[in-house]
Amino acid sequence: MAKGKKLGKGDKVSWSSHGQTVPGKVKKKVTGRAEVAGRTVDASKDEPQYEVESDKSGRNAVHKPESLRKRGGGS
């Protein structure tokens, strides 16, 4: 994902996990060291990470913005 592309809460995104594309949505932007989705995330304002929720499993994960792709409307 290009730098500067903004993601916000509720944005529909997809990411790659174990060779599959997983659709989901952004739950929140993480801009500091935090315990998120069962692990410690070392994010910062300059290098934020995003907590996302899988549409299929309902599980949460944390990804760097470059690993997330914004999806269009629909589903």
N, C-alpha and C. Protein backbone atom coordinates (compact mmCIF):
# COMPACT_ATOMS: atom_id res chain seq x y z
N MET A 1 0.83 -1.18 0.00
CA MET A 1 0.00 0.00 0.00
C MET A 1 0.87 1.25 0.00
N ALA A 2 0.51 2.22 -0.77
CA ALA A 2 1.30 3.44 -0.88
C ALA A 2 1.33 4.19 0.44
N LYS A 3 2.47 4.78 0.74
CA LYS A 3 2.58 5.59 1.95
C LYS A 3 1.62 6.76 1.85
N GLY A 4 1.08 7.18 2.96
CA GLY A 4 0.18 8.32 2.96
C GLY A 4 -1.27 7.94 2.74
N LYS A 5 -1.52 6.71 2.33
CA LYS A 5 -2.90 6.25 2.15
C LYS A 5 -3.49 6.07 3.54
N LYS A 6 -4.56 6.77 3.80
CA LYS A 6 -5.14 6.75 5.14
C LYS A 6 -6.18 5.65 5.28
N LEU A 7 -6.11 4.96 6.39
CA LEU A 7 -7.12 3.96 6.74
C LEU A 7 -7.80 4.43 8.00
N GLY A 8 -9.08 4.18 8.09
CA GLY A 8 -9.83 4.59 9.27
C GLY A 8 -10.70 3.47 9.78
N LYS A 9 -11.22 3.65 10.98
CA LYS A 9 -12.08 2.65 11.60
C LYS A 9 -13.25 2.34 10.67
N GLY A 10 -13.51 1.07 10.47
CA GLY A 10 -14.62 0.64 9.64
C GLY A 10 -14.27 0.46 8.16
N ASP A 11 -13.08 0.92 7.75
CA ASP A 11 -12.67 0.74 6.35
C ASP A 11 -12.57 -0.75 6.02
N LYS A 12 -13.07 -1.12 4.86
CA LYS A 12 -12.97 -2.51 4.40
C LYS A 12 -11.60 -2.72 3.79
N VAL A 13 -10.91 -3.74 4.26
CA VAL A 13 -9.56 -4.04 3.79
C VAL A 13 -9.43 -5.54 3.55
N SER A 14 -8.33 -5.94 2.94
CA SER A 14 -8.00 -7.36 2.84
C SER A 14 -6.51 -7.50 3.04
N TRP A 15 -6.09 -8.70 3.43
CA TRP A 15 -4.68 -8.97 3.65
C TRP A 15 -4.43 -10.43 3.36
N SER A 16 -3.18 -10.76 3.22
CA SER A 16 -2.80 -12.13 2.90
C SER A 16 -2.44 -12.87 4.18
N SER A 17 -3.00 -14.06 4.35
CA SER A 17 -2.71 -14.88 5.51
C SER A 17 -2.63 -16.33 5.07
N HIS A 18 -1.48 -16.94 5.27
CA HIS A 18 -1.28 -18.35 4.92
C HIS A 18 -1.68 -18.63 3.48
N GLY A 19 -1.32 -17.72 2.58
CA GLY A 19 -1.56 -17.93 1.16
C GLY A 19 -2.97 -17.60 0.69
N GLN A 20 -3.82 -17.11 1.59
CA GLN A 20 -5.19 -16.75 1.21
C GLN A 20 -5.41 -15.27 1.46
N THR A 21 -6.31 -14.69 0.67
CA THR A 21 -6.70 -13.30 0.90
C THR A 21 -7.85 -13.28 1.88
N VAL A 22 -7.67 -12.52 2.95
CA VAL A 22 -8.67 -12.46 4.02
C VAL A 22 -9.35 -11.10 3.99
N PRO A 23 -10.67 -11.07 3.83
CA PRO A 23 -11.38 -9.79 3.90
C PRO A 23 -11.73 -9.45 5.34
N GLY A 24 -11.72 -8.17 5.64
CA GLY A 24 -12.09 -7.74 6.99
C GLY A 24 -12.24 -6.25 7.05
N LYS A 25 -12.21 -5.73 8.27
CA LYS A 25 -12.33 -4.29 8.41
C LYS A 25 -11.39 -3.79 9.51
N VAL A 26 -11.06 -2.50 9.40
CA VAL A 26 -10.19 -1.85 10.38
C VAL A 26 -10.97 -1.60 11.65
N LYS A 27 -10.42 -2.03 12.78
CA LYS A 27 -11.04 -1.76 14.08
C LYS A 27 -10.45 -0.50 14.68
N LYS A 28 -9.12 -0.37 14.60
CA LYS A 28 -8.50 0.85 15.12
C LYS A 28 -7.06 0.98 14.65
N LYS A 29 -6.60 2.20 14.70
CA LYS A 29 -5.21 2.53 14.35
C LYS A 29 -4.41 2.48 15.65
N VAL A 30 -3.26 1.84 15.60
CA VAL A 30 -2.39 1.73 16.78
C VAL A 30 -1.17 2.61 16.54
N THR A 31 -0.95 3.57 17.44
CA THR A 31 0.15 4.52 17.22
C THR A 31 1.16 4.53 18.37
N GLY A 32 1.17 3.46 19.14
CA GLY A 32 2.12 3.36 20.24
C GLY A 32 2.32 1.91 20.61
N ARG A 33 3.16 1.67 21.59
CA ARG A 33 3.36 0.31 22.06
C ARG A 33 2.09 -0.13 22.79
N ALA A 34 1.54 -1.25 22.37
CA ALA A 34 0.28 -1.70 22.95
C ALA A 34 0.14 -3.20 22.84
N GLU A 35 -0.69 -3.74 23.70
CA GLU A 35 -1.05 -5.16 23.66
C GLU A 35 -2.33 -5.24 22.82
N VAL A 36 -2.22 -5.79 21.62
CA VAL A 36 -3.36 -5.84 20.71
C VAL A 36 -3.43 -7.23 20.09
N ALA A 37 -4.63 -7.78 20.04
CA ALA A 37 -4.87 -9.08 19.42
C ALA A 37 -3.91 -10.15 19.96
N GLY A 38 -3.65 -10.07 21.27
CA GLY A 38 -2.85 -11.09 21.92
C GLY A 38 -1.35 -10.98 21.76
N ARG A 39 -0.87 -9.85 21.21
CA ARG A 39 0.58 -9.68 21.13
C ARG A 39 0.94 -8.22 21.34
N THR A 40 2.21 -7.99 21.66
CA THR A 40 2.68 -6.63 21.86
C THR A 40 3.08 -6.04 20.52
N VAL A 41 2.53 -4.87 20.23
CA VAL A 41 2.79 -4.19 18.97
C VAL A 41 3.62 -2.95 19.27
N ASP A 42 4.69 -2.78 18.53
CA ASP A 42 5.54 -1.61 18.71
C ASP A 42 5.31 -0.65 17.55
N ALA A 43 4.21 0.07 17.60
CA ALA A 43 3.87 1.02 16.54
C ALA A 43 4.24 2.43 17.02
N SER A 44 4.17 3.38 16.12
CA SER A 44 4.41 4.78 16.47
C SER A 44 3.54 5.65 15.58
N LYS A 45 3.53 6.95 15.87
CA LYS A 45 2.74 7.87 15.05
C LYS A 45 3.25 7.86 13.61
N ASP A 46 4.57 7.78 13.45
CA ASP A 46 5.17 7.76 12.11
C ASP A 46 5.01 6.41 11.43
N GLU A 47 4.94 5.35 12.21
CA GLU A 47 4.79 4.00 11.66
C GLU A 47 3.64 3.28 12.37
N PRO A 48 2.41 3.71 12.06
CA PRO A 48 1.25 3.09 12.72
C PRO A 48 0.99 1.68 12.23
N GLN A 49 0.27 0.93 13.01
CA GLN A 49 -0.23 -0.37 12.59
C GLN A 49 -1.73 -0.35 12.82
N TYR A 50 -2.41 -1.34 12.24
CA TYR A 50 -3.87 -1.35 12.31
C TYR A 50 -4.39 -2.67 12.85
N GLU A 51 -5.31 -2.56 13.82
CA GLU A 51 -6.00 -3.76 14.30
C GLU A 51 -7.16 -4.00 13.33
N VAL A 52 -7.23 -5.21 12.81
CA VAL A 52 -8.27 -5.56 11.84
C VAL A 52 -9.03 -6.78 12.34
N GLU A 53 -10.27 -6.91 11.87
CA GLU A 53 -11.11 -8.04 12.24
C GLU A 53 -11.50 -8.78 10.98
N SER A 54 -11.27 -10.08 10.96
CA SER A 54 -11.62 -10.92 9.81
C SER A 54 -13.13 -11.04 9.67
N ASP A 55 -13.63 -10.84 8.43
CA ASP A 55 -15.06 -11.03 8.17
C ASP A 55 -15.46 -12.48 8.36
N LYS A 56 -14.56 -13.40 8.07
CA LYS A 56 -14.89 -14.83 8.11
C LYS A 56 -14.84 -15.40 9.52
N SER A 57 -13.72 -15.18 10.22
CA SER A 57 -13.54 -15.83 11.52
C SER A 57 -13.90 -14.92 12.69
N GLY A 58 -13.95 -13.61 12.46
CA GLY A 58 -14.20 -12.69 13.57
C GLY A 58 -12.98 -12.47 14.43
N ARG A 59 -11.85 -13.09 14.06
CA ARG A 59 -10.63 -12.94 14.84
C ARG A 59 -9.96 -11.61 14.53
N ASN A 60 -9.23 -11.11 15.51
CA ASN A 60 -8.50 -9.86 15.33
C ASN A 60 -7.04 -10.14 15.05
N ALA A 61 -6.44 -9.24 14.29
CA ALA A 61 -5.02 -9.32 13.99
C ALA A 61 -4.50 -7.90 13.88
N VAL A 62 -3.18 -7.76 13.83
CA VAL A 62 -2.57 -6.44 13.66
C VAL A 62 -1.66 -6.50 12.45
N HIS A 63 -1.79 -5.50 11.58
CA HIS A 63 -0.97 -5.46 10.37
C HIS A 63 -0.42 -4.07 10.15
N LYS A 64 0.75 -4.04 9.51
CA LYS A 64 1.31 -2.77 9.05
C LYS A 64 0.51 -2.33 7.84
N PRO A 65 0.43 -1.00 7.61
CA PRO A 65 -0.40 -0.52 6.50
C PRO A 65 0.00 -1.08 5.14
N GLU A 66 1.29 -1.36 4.94
CA GLU A 66 1.72 -1.86 3.63
C GLU A 66 1.21 -3.27 3.34
N SER A 67 0.75 -3.98 4.36
CA SER A 67 0.23 -5.33 4.12
C SER A 67 -1.29 -5.34 3.96
N LEU A 68 -1.92 -4.17 4.07
CA LEU A 68 -3.37 -4.08 3.93
C LEU A 68 -3.73 -3.46 2.59
N ARG A 69 -4.77 -3.99 1.96
CA ARG A 69 -5.30 -3.41 0.72
C ARG A 69 -6.73 -2.94 0.98
N LYS A 70 -6.98 -1.70 0.63
CA LYS A 70 -8.33 -1.16 0.81
C LYS A 70 -9.26 -1.76 -0.23
N ARG A 71 -10.44 -2.18 0.20
CA ARG A 71 -11.43 -2.75 -0.71
C ARG A 71 -12.51 -1.72 -0.99
N GLY A 72 -13.14 -1.88 -2.14
CA GLY A 72 -14.28 -1.02 -2.47
C GLY A 72 -15.49 -1.40 -1.66
N GLY A 73 -16.59 -0.73 -1.88
CA GLY A 73 -17.84 -1.01 -1.17
C GLY A 73 -18.34 -2.39 -1.49
N GLY A 74 -19.57 -2.65 -1.21
CA GLY A 74 -20.12 -3.98 -1.47
C GLY A 74 -19.98 -4.86 -0.26
N SER A 75 -19.92 -6.17 -0.48
CA SER A 75 -19.90 -7.21 0.57
C SER A 75 -19.69 -6.58 1.92
